[in-house]
C-alpha cells in the first residue's frame, strides 16, 4: 500500500494544491524544499508534513529516514527571471536525475515527473524538461515511471507573472490597457483541481502497473483562443474600463499556434476526465484573486 509520498515543488503552484489534497486523503507527505522557501501556499498543512531542507542536508537523508513509496517531482525553473541556462539545467535536469537515482537505489516504487506539452526546442525550459524525459526512459526497468505532459494549468495561488493570473489581476486592478498579440493562438487551459485529480487517480491504481515508463497527456482535450479567454475573463470580472489592444505585440519567435492534449489514454486507463468547465474554473480563480488583491486571502 502506498503511504509515504515525497514531493518536490510543494511550495509552488501545482505542488501546493497537490500536497494539500494528498494530506487530505491521508498520505504521509515528505516535502523537499530550501531553507529560504516561502511556505504561504501550504501553511494550512505545514504542521502535517515532514520537511527536509535540501540545501542543509543530503538528498539521501529523507530516503534513509523514511520508506518512500512514491516520488512526485513538481519543482521546476521556467527561465522567466532571466536565469542562466546552466541554472535551468541544474533544476530541471540534474536535480531530478539525482533524485531518480536515489529513489531507484532505495527501491522506491514509483516516480512521477511533471512534464510539459511544449516542443523540445522551444526554449531552455522545454529543452531541459525533454532531456530529463530521455533519462527517465533509461531507468524504466528499475522503477515505475509516470511522465505527465501537462497543458496550460490555471487556478488559485499561481504566480501573477503567468498569463492567466496576470490577465485576471490586470482586469481586477482596472489597468488602463493591456497590450497583447492578435490572440489567435489556441491553448488547452485546465483548472488545477482537475490536474490534481489526475495525479490522485493514477496513485490510487499504481498496484495494477509493473515497472516501466508510462506517459500521459493531461488537459481538457479542448482548445480556446487567447482572444476568447481574455474576453471571457474580462466579462467575468465585470471590467468596463480596461482597453484590450489585440495585435499591439507581435507573436513570439516559434510561437505555438495550436496546442491541445489528447486525453483518451489517461481517461481510459484511470477513468479520469476534467470536472470543471473553463468558465467554472475561471470563476473560482477570479474569486480567489479578488481576496488576494484586497487582503482577504492567505
C-alpha atoms as a PDB file:
ATOM      1  CA  UNK A   1       0.000   0.000   0.000  1.00  0.00           C
ATOM      2  CA  UNK A   2       1.234   3.490  -0.905  1.00  0.00           C
ATOM      3  CA  UNK A   3       1.665   5.514   2.264  1.00  0.00           C
ATOM      4  CA  UNK A   4       4.750   7.726   2.146  1.00  0.00           C
ATOM      5  CA  UNK A   5       4.993  10.239  -0.683  1.00  0.00           C
ATOM      6  CA  UNK A   6       7.929  12.572  -1.231  1.00  0.00           C
ATOM      7  CA  UNK A   7       7.265  15.718  -3.256  1.00  0.00           C
ATOM      8  CA  UNK A   8       9.391  18.475  -4.741  1.00  0.00           C
ATOM      9  CA  UNK A   9       7.946  21.868  -5.597  1.00  0.00           C
ATOM     10  CA  UNK A  10       5.364  21.715  -2.802  1.00  0.00           C
ATOM     11  CA  UNK A  11       5.715  25.456  -2.170  1.00  0.00           C
ATOM     12  CA  UNK A  12       4.884  26.204  -5.801  1.00  0.00           C
ATOM     13  CA  UNK A  13       1.563  26.457  -7.606  1.00  0.00           C
ATOM     14  CA  UNK A  14       0.752  22.900  -8.693  1.00  0.00           C
ATOM     15  CA  UNK A  15       2.787  21.293  -5.900  1.00  0.00           C
ATOM     16  CA  UNK A  16       0.896  23.142  -3.186  1.00  0.00           C
ATOM     17  CA  UNK A  17      -2.505  22.079  -4.494  1.00  0.00           C
ATOM     18  CA  UNK A  18      -1.321  18.501  -4.870  1.00  0.00           C
ATOM     19  CA  UNK A  19       0.230  18.486  -1.390  1.00  0.00           C
ATOM     20  CA  UNK A  20      -2.974  19.714   0.236  1.00  0.00           C
ATOM     21  CA  UNK A  21      -5.005  17.015  -1.494  1.00  0.00           C
ATOM     22  CA  UNK A  22      -2.547  14.234  -0.626  1.00  0.00           C
ATOM     23  CA  UNK A  23      -2.611  15.184   3.065  1.00  0.00           C
ATOM     24  CA  UNK A  24      -6.408  15.366   2.977  1.00  0.00           C
ATOM     25  CA  UNK A  25      -6.517  11.847   1.565  1.00  0.00           C
ATOM     26  CA  UNK A  26      -4.374  10.517   4.402  1.00  0.00           C
ATOM     27  CA  UNK A  27      -0.980  10.081   2.769  1.00  0.00           C
ATOM     28  CA  UNK A  28       2.187  10.784   4.749  1.00  0.00           C
ATOM     29  CA  UNK A  29       3.868  13.637   2.923  1.00  0.00           C
ATOM     30  CA  UNK A  30       7.590  14.370   2.902  1.00  0.00           C
ATOM     31  CA  UNK A  31       8.411  17.771   1.404  1.00  0.00           C
ATOM     32  CA  UNK A  32      11.755  18.712  -0.116  1.00  0.00           C
ATOM     33  CA  UNK A  33      12.337  22.461  -0.016  1.00  0.00           C
ATOM     34  CA  UNK A  34      15.020  25.059   0.522  1.00  0.00           C
ATOM     35  CA  UNK A  35      15.579  26.700   3.895  1.00  0.00           C
ATOM     36  CA  UNK A  36      14.559  30.049   2.365  1.00  0.00           C
ATOM     37  CA  UNK A  37      11.353  28.728   0.785  1.00  0.00           C
ATOM     38  CA  UNK A  38       8.175  30.689   1.423  1.00  0.00           C
ATOM     39  CA  UNK A  39       5.526  28.339   2.815  1.00  0.00           C
ATOM     40  CA  UNK A  40       2.487  30.588   2.357  1.00  0.00           C
ATOM     41  CA  UNK A  41       0.848  28.311  -0.205  1.00  0.00           C
ATOM     42  CA  UNK A  42       0.925  25.293   2.126  1.00  0.00           C
ATOM     43  CA  UNK A  43       0.542  26.974   5.509  1.00  0.00           C
ATOM     44  CA  UNK A  44      -2.724  25.049   6.088  1.00  0.00           C
ATOM     45  CA  UNK A  45      -0.831  21.734   6.119  1.00  0.00           C
ATOM     46  CA  UNK A  46       2.608  22.852   7.338  1.00  0.00           C
ATOM     47  CA  UNK A  47       2.096  21.075  10.678  1.00  0.00           C
ATOM     48  CA  UNK A  48       1.015  17.866   8.952  1.00  0.00           C
ATOM     49  CA  UNK A  49       4.007  17.244   6.692  1.00  0.00           C
ATOM     50  CA  UNK A  50       7.666  16.409   7.217  1.00  0.00           C
ATOM     51  CA  UNK A  51      10.122  18.931   5.778  1.00  0.00           C
ATOM     52  CA  UNK A  52      13.691  18.476   4.574  1.00  0.00           C
ATOM     53  CA  UNK A  53      15.810  21.456   3.542  1.00  0.00           C
ATOM     54  CA  UNK A  54      17.849  20.164   0.635  1.00  0.00           C
ATOM     55  CA  UNK A  55      20.380  22.981   0.956  1.00  0.00           C
ATOM     56  CA  UNK A  56      21.123  21.857   4.517  1.00  0.00           C
ATOM     57  CA  UNK A  57      21.067  18.069   4.227  1.00  0.00           C
ATOM     58  CA  UNK A  58      21.983  15.317   1.821  1.00  0.00           C
ATOM     59  CA  UNK A  59      19.337  14.355  -0.739  1.00  0.00           C
ATOM     60  CA  UNK A  60      19.659  10.783   0.523  1.00  0.00           C
ATOM     61  CA  UNK A  61      18.588  11.756   4.056  1.00  0.00           C
ATOM     62  CA  UNK A  62      14.788  11.647   3.584  1.00  0.00           C
ATOM     63  CA  UNK A  63      15.138   8.204   1.968  1.00  0.00           C
ATOM     64  CA  UNK A  64      17.228   6.946   4.884  1.00  0.00           C
ATOM     65  CA  UNK A  65      14.758   8.329   7.403  1.00  0.00           C
ATOM     66  CA  UNK A  66      11.599   7.148   5.659  1.00  0.00           C
ATOM     67  CA  UNK A  67      10.452   4.308   3.414  1.00  0.00           C
ATOM     68  CA  UNK A  68       9.493   6.414   0.399  1.00  0.00           C
ATOM     69  CA  UNK A  69       6.847   4.714  -1.743  1.00  0.00           C
ATOM     70  CA  UNK A  70       6.323   7.445  -4.329  1.00  0.00           C
ATOM     71  CA  UNK A  71       8.291  10.476  -5.518  1.00  0.00           C
ATOM     72  CA  UNK A  72       6.390  13.303  -7.203  1.00  0.00           C
ATOM     73  CA  UNK A  73       8.658  15.797  -8.927  1.00  0.00           C
ATOM     74  CA  UNK A  74       6.916  19.164  -9.423  1.00  0.00           C
ATOM     75  CA  UNK A  75       9.796  21.595  -8.884  1.00  0.00           C
ATOM     76  CA  UNK A  76      10.839  23.483 -11.999  1.00  0.00           C
ATOM     77  CA  UNK A  77      12.546  26.603 -13.276  1.00  0.00           C
ATOM     78  CA  UNK A  78      10.952  28.346 -16.245  1.00  0.00           C
ATOM     79  CA  UNK A  79      13.634  30.875 -17.051  1.00  0.00           C
ATOM     80  CA  UNK A  80      11.228  33.806 -16.733  1.00  0.00           C
ATOM     81  CA  UNK A  81      13.581  35.598 -14.318  1.00  0.00           C
ATOM     82  CA  UNK A  82      16.490  35.611 -16.763  1.00  0.00           C
ATOM     83  CA  UNK A  83      18.170  32.646 -15.110  1.00  0.00           C
ATOM     84  CA  UNK A  84      21.252  31.290 -16.827  1.00  0.00           C
ATOM     85  CA  UNK A  85      20.793  28.212 -18.976  1.00  0.00           C
ATOM     86  CA  UNK A  86      23.030  26.295 -16.558  1.00  0.00           C
ATOM     87  CA  UNK A  87      20.688  27.202 -13.681  1.00  0.00           C
ATOM     88  CA  UNK A  88      17.687  25.929 -15.627  1.00  0.00           C
ATOM     89  CA  UNK A  89      19.510  22.695 -16.445  1.00  0.00           C
ATOM     90  CA  UNK A  90      20.501  22.228 -12.809  1.00  0.00           C
ATOM     91  CA  UNK A  91      16.890  22.491 -11.601  1.00  0.00           C
ATOM     92  CA  UNK A  92      15.110  20.711 -14.451  1.00  0.00           C
ATOM     93  CA  UNK A  93      17.638  18.007 -15.297  1.00  0.00           C
ATOM     94  CA  UNK A  94      20.496  17.479 -12.858  1.00  0.00           C
ATOM     95  CA  UNK A  95      18.453  17.696  -9.638  1.00  0.00           C
ATOM     96  CA  UNK A  96      15.632  15.334 -10.686  1.00  0.00           C
ATOM     97  CA  UNK A  97      18.151  12.911 -12.236  1.00  0.00           C
ATOM     98  CA  UNK A  98      19.955  12.643  -8.906  1.00  0.00           C
ATOM     99  CA  UNK A  99      16.603  12.237  -7.158  1.00  0.00           C
ATOM    100  CA  UNK A 100      15.658   9.449  -9.563  1.00  0.00           C
ATOM    101  CA  UNK A 101      18.975   7.678  -8.984  1.00  0.00           C
ATOM    102  CA  UNK A 102      18.476   7.802  -5.221  1.00  0.00           C
ATOM    103  CA  UNK A 103      14.843   6.691  -5.436  1.00  0.00           C
ATOM    104  CA  UNK A 104      15.882   3.701  -7.531  1.00  0.00           C
ATOM    105  CA  UNK A 105      18.683   2.807  -5.108  1.00  0.00           C
ATOM    106  CA  UNK A 106      16.260   2.839  -2.169  1.00  0.00           C
ATOM    107  CA  UNK A 107      13.703   0.701  -4.066  1.00  0.00           C
ATOM    108  CA  UNK A 108      11.048   3.396  -4.286  1.00  0.00           C
ATOM    109  CA  UNK A 109       8.005   2.029  -6.104  1.00  0.00           C
ATOM    110  CA  UNK A 110       7.086   4.972  -8.359  1.00  0.00           C
ATOM    111  CA  UNK A 111       8.489   8.212  -9.743  1.00  0.00           C
ATOM    112  CA  UNK A 112       6.166  10.893 -11.147  1.00  0.00           C
ATOM    113  CA  UNK A 113       7.604  13.538 -13.441  1.00  0.00           C
ATOM    114  CA  UNK A 114       5.726  16.725 -14.202  1.00  0.00           C
ATOM    115  CA  UNK A 115       6.441  17.348 -17.877  1.00  0.00           C
ATOM    116  CA  UNK A 116       5.318  19.965 -20.361  1.00  0.00           C
ATOM    117  CA  UNK A 117       3.414  19.674 -23.605  1.00  0.00           C
ATOM    118  CA  UNK A 118       5.790  22.213 -25.172  1.00  0.00           C
ATOM    119  CA  UNK A 119       8.040  21.466 -28.134  1.00  0.00           C
ATOM    120  CA  UNK A 120      11.518  20.312 -27.075  1.00  0.00           C
ATOM    121  CA  UNK A 121      13.492  23.089 -28.758  1.00  0.00           C
ATOM    122  CA  UNK A 122      11.150  25.982 -27.973  1.00  0.00           C
ATOM    123  CA  UNK A 123      13.362  27.346 -25.168  1.00  0.00           C
ATOM    124  CA  UNK A 124      15.844  26.325 -22.464  1.00  0.00           C
ATOM    125  CA  UNK A 125      12.995  25.284 -20.168  1.00  0.00           C
ATOM    126  CA  UNK A 126      11.365  22.871 -22.598  1.00  0.00           C
ATOM    127  CA  UNK A 127      14.730  21.516 -23.750  1.00  0.00           C
ATOM    128  CA  UNK A 128      15.816  20.693 -20.200  1.00  0.00           C
ATOM    129  CA  UNK A 129      12.445  19.085 -19.429  1.00  0.00           C
ATOM    130  CA  UNK A 130      12.567  16.863 -22.507  1.00  0.00           C
ATOM    131  CA  UNK A 131      16.165  15.884 -21.876  1.00  0.00           C
ATOM    132  CA  UNK A 132      15.135  14.604 -18.463  1.00  0.00           C
ATOM    133  CA  UNK A 133      12.394  12.525 -20.074  1.00  0.00           C
ATOM    134  CA  UNK A 134      15.099  10.831 -22.161  1.00  0.00           C
ATOM    135  CA  UNK A 135      16.860   9.911 -18.909  1.00  0.00           C
ATOM    136  CA  UNK A 136      13.617   8.637 -17.400  1.00  0.00           C
ATOM    137  CA  UNK A 137      13.390   6.016 -20.126  1.00  0.00           C
ATOM    138  CA  UNK A 138      16.839   4.707 -19.166  1.00  0.00           C
ATOM    139  CA  UNK A 139      15.568   3.865 -15.654  1.00  0.00           C
ATOM    140  CA  UNK A 140      12.273   2.248 -16.627  1.00  0.00           C
ATOM    141  CA  UNK A 141      13.422  -1.300 -15.853  1.00  0.00           C
ATOM    142  CA  UNK A 142      14.032  -0.421 -12.202  1.00  0.00           C
ATOM    143  CA  UNK A 143      11.012   1.649 -11.181  1.00  0.00           C
ATOM    144  CA  UNK A 144       7.516   2.655 -12.276  1.00  0.00           C
ATOM    145  CA  UNK A 145       7.762   5.993 -14.047  1.00  0.00           C
ATOM    146  CA  UNK A 146       4.771   8.166 -14.884  1.00  0.00           C
ATOM    147  CA  UNK A 147       5.514  11.138 -17.105  1.00  0.00           C
ATOM    148  CA  UNK A 148       2.608  13.583 -17.162  1.00  0.00           C
ATOM    149  CA  UNK A 149       2.665  16.075 -20.029  1.00  0.00           C
ATOM    150  CA  UNK A 150       0.588  18.944 -18.720  1.00  0.00           C
ATOM    151  CA  UNK A 151      -1.241  21.532 -20.758  1.00  0.00           C
ATOM    152  CA  UNK A 152      -1.722  25.111 -19.545  1.00  0.00           C
ATOM    153  CA  UNK A 153      -2.781  24.988 -15.890  1.00  0.00           C
ATOM    154  CA  UNK A 154      -4.524  27.851 -14.137  1.00  0.00           C
ATOM    155  CA  UNK A 155      -6.072  28.340 -10.723  1.00  0.00           C
ATOM    156  CA  UNK A 156      -5.699  29.849  -7.278  1.00  0.00           C
ATOM    157  CA  UNK A 157      -2.297  30.690  -5.799  1.00  0.00           C
ATOM    158  CA  UNK A 158      -0.423  30.921  -9.085  1.00  0.00           C
ATOM    159  CA  UNK A 159       2.336  33.435  -9.768  1.00  0.00           C
ATOM    160  CA  UNK A 160       0.898  36.672 -11.162  1.00  0.00           C
ATOM    161  CA  UNK A 161       3.672  36.812 -13.768  1.00  0.00           C
ATOM    162  CA  UNK A 162       1.962  33.911 -15.561  1.00  0.00           C
ATOM    163  CA  UNK A 163      -0.532  34.710 -18.286  1.00  0.00           C
ATOM    164  CA  UNK A 164      -3.921  33.874 -16.735  1.00  0.00           C
ATOM    165  CA  UNK A 165      -3.189  35.403 -13.289  1.00  0.00           C
ATOM    166  CA  UNK A 166      -1.658  38.448 -14.975  1.00  0.00           C
ATOM    167  CA  UNK A 167      -4.768  38.975 -17.095  1.00  0.00           C
ATOM    168  CA  UNK A 168      -7.069  38.447 -14.099  1.00  0.00           C
ATOM    169  CA  UNK A 169      -5.204  40.856 -11.826  1.00  0.00           C
ATOM    170  CA  UNK A 170      -4.916  43.444 -14.610  1.00  0.00           C
ATOM    171  CA  UNK A 171      -8.685  43.455 -15.014  1.00  0.00           C
ATOM    172  CA  UNK A 172      -9.332  43.475 -11.267  1.00  0.00           C
ATOM    173  CA  UNK A 173      -6.995  46.457 -10.900  1.00  0.00           C
ATOM    174  CA  UNK A 174      -8.749  48.094 -13.879  1.00  0.00           C
ATOM    175  CA  UNK A 175      -5.495  48.785 -15.684  1.00  0.00           C
ATOM    176  CA  UNK A 176      -5.857  51.372 -18.438  1.00  0.00           C
ATOM    177  CA  UNK A 177      -4.867  48.974 -21.222  1.00  0.00           C
ATOM    178  CA  UNK A 178      -3.458  45.524 -21.886  1.00  0.00           C
ATOM    179  CA  UNK A 179      -1.169  45.027 -24.869  1.00  0.00           C
ATOM    180  CA  UNK A 180      -1.431  41.581 -26.449  1.00  0.00           C
ATOM    181  CA  UNK A 181      -0.675  39.653 -29.621  1.00  0.00           C
ATOM    182  CA  UNK A 182      -3.550  39.163 -32.109  1.00  0.00           C
ATOM    183  CA  UNK A 183      -4.668  36.352 -29.791  1.00  0.00           C
ATOM    184  CA  UNK A 184      -5.352  33.739 -32.448  1.00  0.00           C
ATOM    185  CA  UNK A 185      -3.217  31.108 -30.682  1.00  0.00           C
ATOM    186  CA  UNK A 186      -5.284  28.289 -29.260  1.00  0.00           C
ATOM    187  CA  UNK A 187      -4.429  26.670 -25.954  1.00  0.00           C
ATOM    188  CA  UNK A 188      -5.818  23.905 -23.776  1.00  0.00           C
ATOM    189  CA  UNK A 189      -6.452  25.554 -20.390  1.00  0.00           C
ATOM    190  CA  UNK A 190      -7.109  23.175 -17.495  1.00  0.00           C
ATOM    191  CA  UNK A 191      -8.110  24.043 -13.942  1.00  0.00           C
ATOM    192  CA  UNK A 192      -5.559  22.998 -11.323  1.00  0.00           C
ATOM    193  CA  UNK A 193      -8.024  20.892  -9.314  1.00  0.00           C
ATOM    194  CA  UNK A 194      -8.581  18.684 -12.361  1.00  0.00           C
ATOM    195  CA  UNK A 195      -4.827  18.190 -12.769  1.00  0.00           C
ATOM    196  CA  UNK A 196      -4.550  17.165  -9.115  1.00  0.00           C
ATOM    197  CA  UNK A 197      -7.384  14.680  -9.696  1.00  0.00           C
ATOM    198  CA  UNK A 198      -5.318  13.123 -12.489  1.00  0.00           C
ATOM    199  CA  UNK A 199      -2.346  12.567 -10.176  1.00  0.00           C
ATOM    200  CA  UNK A 200      -4.555  11.110  -7.443  1.00  0.00           C
ATOM    201  CA  UNK A 201      -6.337   8.809  -9.907  1.00  0.00           C
ATOM    202  CA  UNK A 202      -3.009   7.365 -11.023  1.00  0.00           C
ATOM    203  CA  UNK A 203      -1.622   7.000  -7.491  1.00  0.00           C
ATOM    204  CA  UNK A 204      -4.658   5.002  -6.445  1.00  0.00           C
ATOM    205  CA  UNK A 205      -4.143   2.498  -9.285  1.00  0.00           C
ATOM    206  CA  UNK A 206      -0.368   2.049  -9.020  1.00  0.00           C
ATOM    207  CA  UNK A 207      -0.697  -1.571  -7.867  1.00  0.00           C
ATOM    208  CA  UNK A 208      -2.049  -2.546 -11.287  1.00  0.00           C
ATOM    209  CA  UNK A 209       1.148  -1.392 -13.064  1.00  0.00           C
ATOM    210  CA  UNK A 210       4.511  -3.099 -13.432  1.00  0.00           C
ATOM    211  CA  UNK A 211       7.862  -1.350 -13.568  1.00  0.00           C
ATOM    212  CA  UNK A 212       8.200   0.667 -16.754  1.00  0.00           C
ATOM    213  CA  UNK A 213       7.710   4.043 -18.405  1.00  0.00           C
ATOM    214  CA  UNK A 214       4.170   5.380 -18.794  1.00  0.00           C
ATOM    215  CA  UNK A 215       3.306   8.700 -20.394  1.00  0.00           C
ATOM    216  CA  UNK A 216       0.033  10.601 -20.372  1.00  0.00           C
ATOM    217  CA  UNK A 217      -1.155  13.947 -21.669  1.00  0.00           C
ATOM    218  CA  UNK A 218      -3.272  15.914 -19.206  1.00  0.00           C
ATOM    219  CA  UNK A 219      -5.573  18.700 -20.336  1.00  0.00           C
ATOM    220  CA  UNK A 220      -9.215  19.207 -21.195  1.00  0.00           C
ATOM    221  CA  UNK A 221      -8.942  17.992 -24.764  1.00  0.00           C
ATOM    222  CA  UNK A 222     -10.354  21.314 -25.975  1.00  0.00           C
ATOM    223  CA  UNK A 223      -8.506  24.394 -27.210  1.00  0.00           C
ATOM    224  CA  UNK A 224      -9.672  28.002 -26.989  1.00  0.00           C
ATOM    225  CA  UNK A 225      -8.062  31.097 -28.434  1.00  0.00           C
ATOM    226  CA  UNK A 226      -6.189  33.605 -26.314  1.00  0.00           C
ATOM    227  CA  UNK A 227      -8.612  36.260 -27.518  1.00  0.00           C
ATOM    228  CA  UNK A 228     -11.570  34.184 -26.364  1.00  0.00           C
ATOM    229  CA  UNK A 229     -10.236  33.523 -22.873  1.00  0.00           C
ATOM    230  CA  UNK A 230      -9.154  37.146 -22.342  1.00  0.00           C
ATOM    231  CA  UNK A 231     -12.608  38.402 -23.277  1.00  0.00           C
ATOM    232  CA  UNK A 232     -14.202  35.766 -21.037  1.00  0.00           C
ATOM    233  CA  UNK A 233     -12.101  36.862 -18.055  1.00  0.00           C
ATOM    234  CA  UNK A 234     -12.998  40.498 -18.719  1.00  0.00           C
ATOM    235  CA  UNK A 235     -16.698  39.627 -18.739  1.00  0.00           C
ATOM    236  CA  UNK A 236     -16.484  37.587 -15.517  1.00  0.00           C
ATOM    237  CA  UNK A 237     -14.614  40.339 -13.671  1.00  0.00           C
ATOM    238  CA  UNK A 238     -17.166  42.889 -14.872  1.00  0.00           C
ATOM    239  CA  UNK A 239     -14.374  45.176 -16.052  1.00  0.00           C
ATOM    240  CA  UNK A 240     -15.656  48.110 -18.117  1.00  0.00           C
ATOM    241  CA  UNK A 241     -12.542  50.288 -18.152  1.00  0.00           C
ATOM    242  CA  UNK A 242      -9.560  48.319 -19.404  1.00  0.00           C
ATOM    243  CA  UNK A 243      -8.891  48.534 -23.122  1.00  0.00           C
ATOM    244  CA  UNK A 244      -7.565  45.331 -24.693  1.00  0.00           C
ATOM    245  CA  UNK A 245      -5.235  46.002 -27.604  1.00  0.00           C
ATOM    246  CA  UNK A 246      -5.038  42.764 -29.552  1.00  0.00           C
ATOM    247  CA  UNK A 247      -2.263  42.911 -32.128  1.00  0.00           C
ATOM    248  CA  UNK A 248      -0.212  45.518 -30.274  1.00  0.00           C
ATOM    249  CA  UNK A 249       2.514  42.914 -29.766  1.00  0.00           C
ATOM    250  CA  UNK A 250       3.926  40.559 -32.383  1.00  0.00           C
ATOM    251  CA  UNK A 251       3.872  36.821 -31.891  1.00  0.00           C
ATOM    252  CA  UNK A 252       6.988  35.377 -30.298  1.00  0.00           C
ATOM    253  CA  UNK A 253       9.524  33.625 -32.460  1.00  0.00           C
ATOM    254  CA  UNK A 254       8.437  29.982 -32.882  1.00  0.00           C
ATOM    255  CA  UNK A 255       5.029  30.814 -31.393  1.00  0.00           C
ATOM    256  CA  UNK A 256       2.867  27.724 -30.953  1.00  0.00           C
ATOM    257  CA  UNK A 257      -0.452  28.463 -32.646  1.00  0.00           C
ATOM    258  CA  UNK A 258      -2.319  25.351 -31.550  1.00  0.00           C
ATOM    259  CA  UNK A 259      -1.897  23.128 -28.509  1.00  0.00           C
ATOM    260  CA  UNK A 260      -4.333  20.587 -27.124  1.00  0.00           C
ATOM    261  CA  UNK A 261      -3.992  17.423 -25.062  1.00  0.00           C
ATOM    262  CA  UNK A 262      -5.084  14.005 -26.213  1.00  0.00           C
ATOM    263  CA  UNK A 263      -6.715  12.726 -23.021  1.00  0.00           C
ATOM    264  CA  UNK A 264      -8.097   9.490 -24.436  1.00  0.00           C
ATOM    265  CA  UNK A 265      -5.345   7.353 -22.871  1.00  0.00           C
ATOM    266  CA  UNK A 266      -5.477   8.830 -19.356  1.00  0.00           C
ATOM    267  CA  UNK A 267      -9.283   8.730 -19.409  1.00  0.00           C
ATOM    268  CA  UNK A 268      -9.310   5.078 -20.452  1.00  0.00           C
ATOM    269  CA  UNK A 269      -6.635   3.864 -18.020  1.00  0.00           C
ATOM    270  CA  UNK A 270      -7.787   5.784 -14.942  1.00  0.00           C
ATOM    271  CA  UNK A 271     -11.395   6.739 -15.625  1.00  0.00           C
ATOM    272  CA  UNK A 272     -10.347  10.380 -15.301  1.00  0.00           C
ATOM    273  CA  UNK A 273     -11.776  13.399 -17.034  1.00  0.00           C
ATOM    274  CA  UNK A 274     -11.891  17.115 -16.165  1.00  0.00           C
ATOM    275  CA  UNK A 275     -14.790  18.146 -13.954  1.00  0.00           C
ATOM    276  CA  UNK A 276     -14.615  21.915 -14.366  1.00  0.00           C
ATOM    277  CA  UNK A 277     -15.628  23.883 -17.410  1.00  0.00           C
ATOM    278  CA  UNK A 278     -13.431  26.815 -18.380  1.00  0.00           C
ATOM    279  CA  UNK A 279     -15.971  29.301 -17.029  1.00  0.00           C
ATOM    280  CA  UNK A 280     -16.357  27.418 -13.731  1.00  0.00           C
ATOM    281  CA  UNK A 281     -12.609  27.239 -13.200  1.00  0.00           C
ATOM    282  CA  UNK A 282     -12.118  30.896 -14.062  1.00  0.00           C
ATOM    283  CA  UNK A 283     -14.906  31.977 -11.713  1.00  0.00           C
ATOM    284  CA  UNK A 284     -13.252  30.149  -8.812  1.00  0.00           C
ATOM    285  CA  UNK A 285      -9.845  31.516  -9.733  1.00  0.00           C
ATOM    286  CA  UNK A 286     -11.035  35.103 -10.088  1.00  0.00           C
ATOM    287  CA  UNK A 287     -12.803  34.987  -6.706  1.00  0.00           C
ATOM    288  CA  UNK A 288      -9.549  33.882  -5.092  1.00  0.00           C
ATOM    289  CA  UNK A 289      -7.559  36.682  -6.713  1.00  0.00           C
ATOM    290  CA  UNK A 290     -10.100  39.221  -5.523  1.00  0.00           C
ATOM    291  CA  UNK A 291      -9.295  38.144  -1.988  1.00  0.00           C
ATOM    292  CA  UNK A 292      -5.580  38.011  -2.725  1.00  0.00           C
ATOM    293  CA  UNK A 293      -5.513  41.572  -4.029  1.00  0.00           C
ATOM    294  CA  UNK A 294      -7.634  43.015  -1.259  1.00  0.00           C
ATOM    295  CA  UNK A 295      -6.136  41.205   1.709  1.00  0.00           C
ATOM    296  CA  UNK A 296      -8.846  38.630   2.320  1.00  0.00           C
ATOM    297  CA  UNK A 297      -6.832  35.598   1.166  1.00  0.00           C
ATOM    298  CA  UNK A 298      -3.710  33.823   2.520  1.00  0.00           C
END
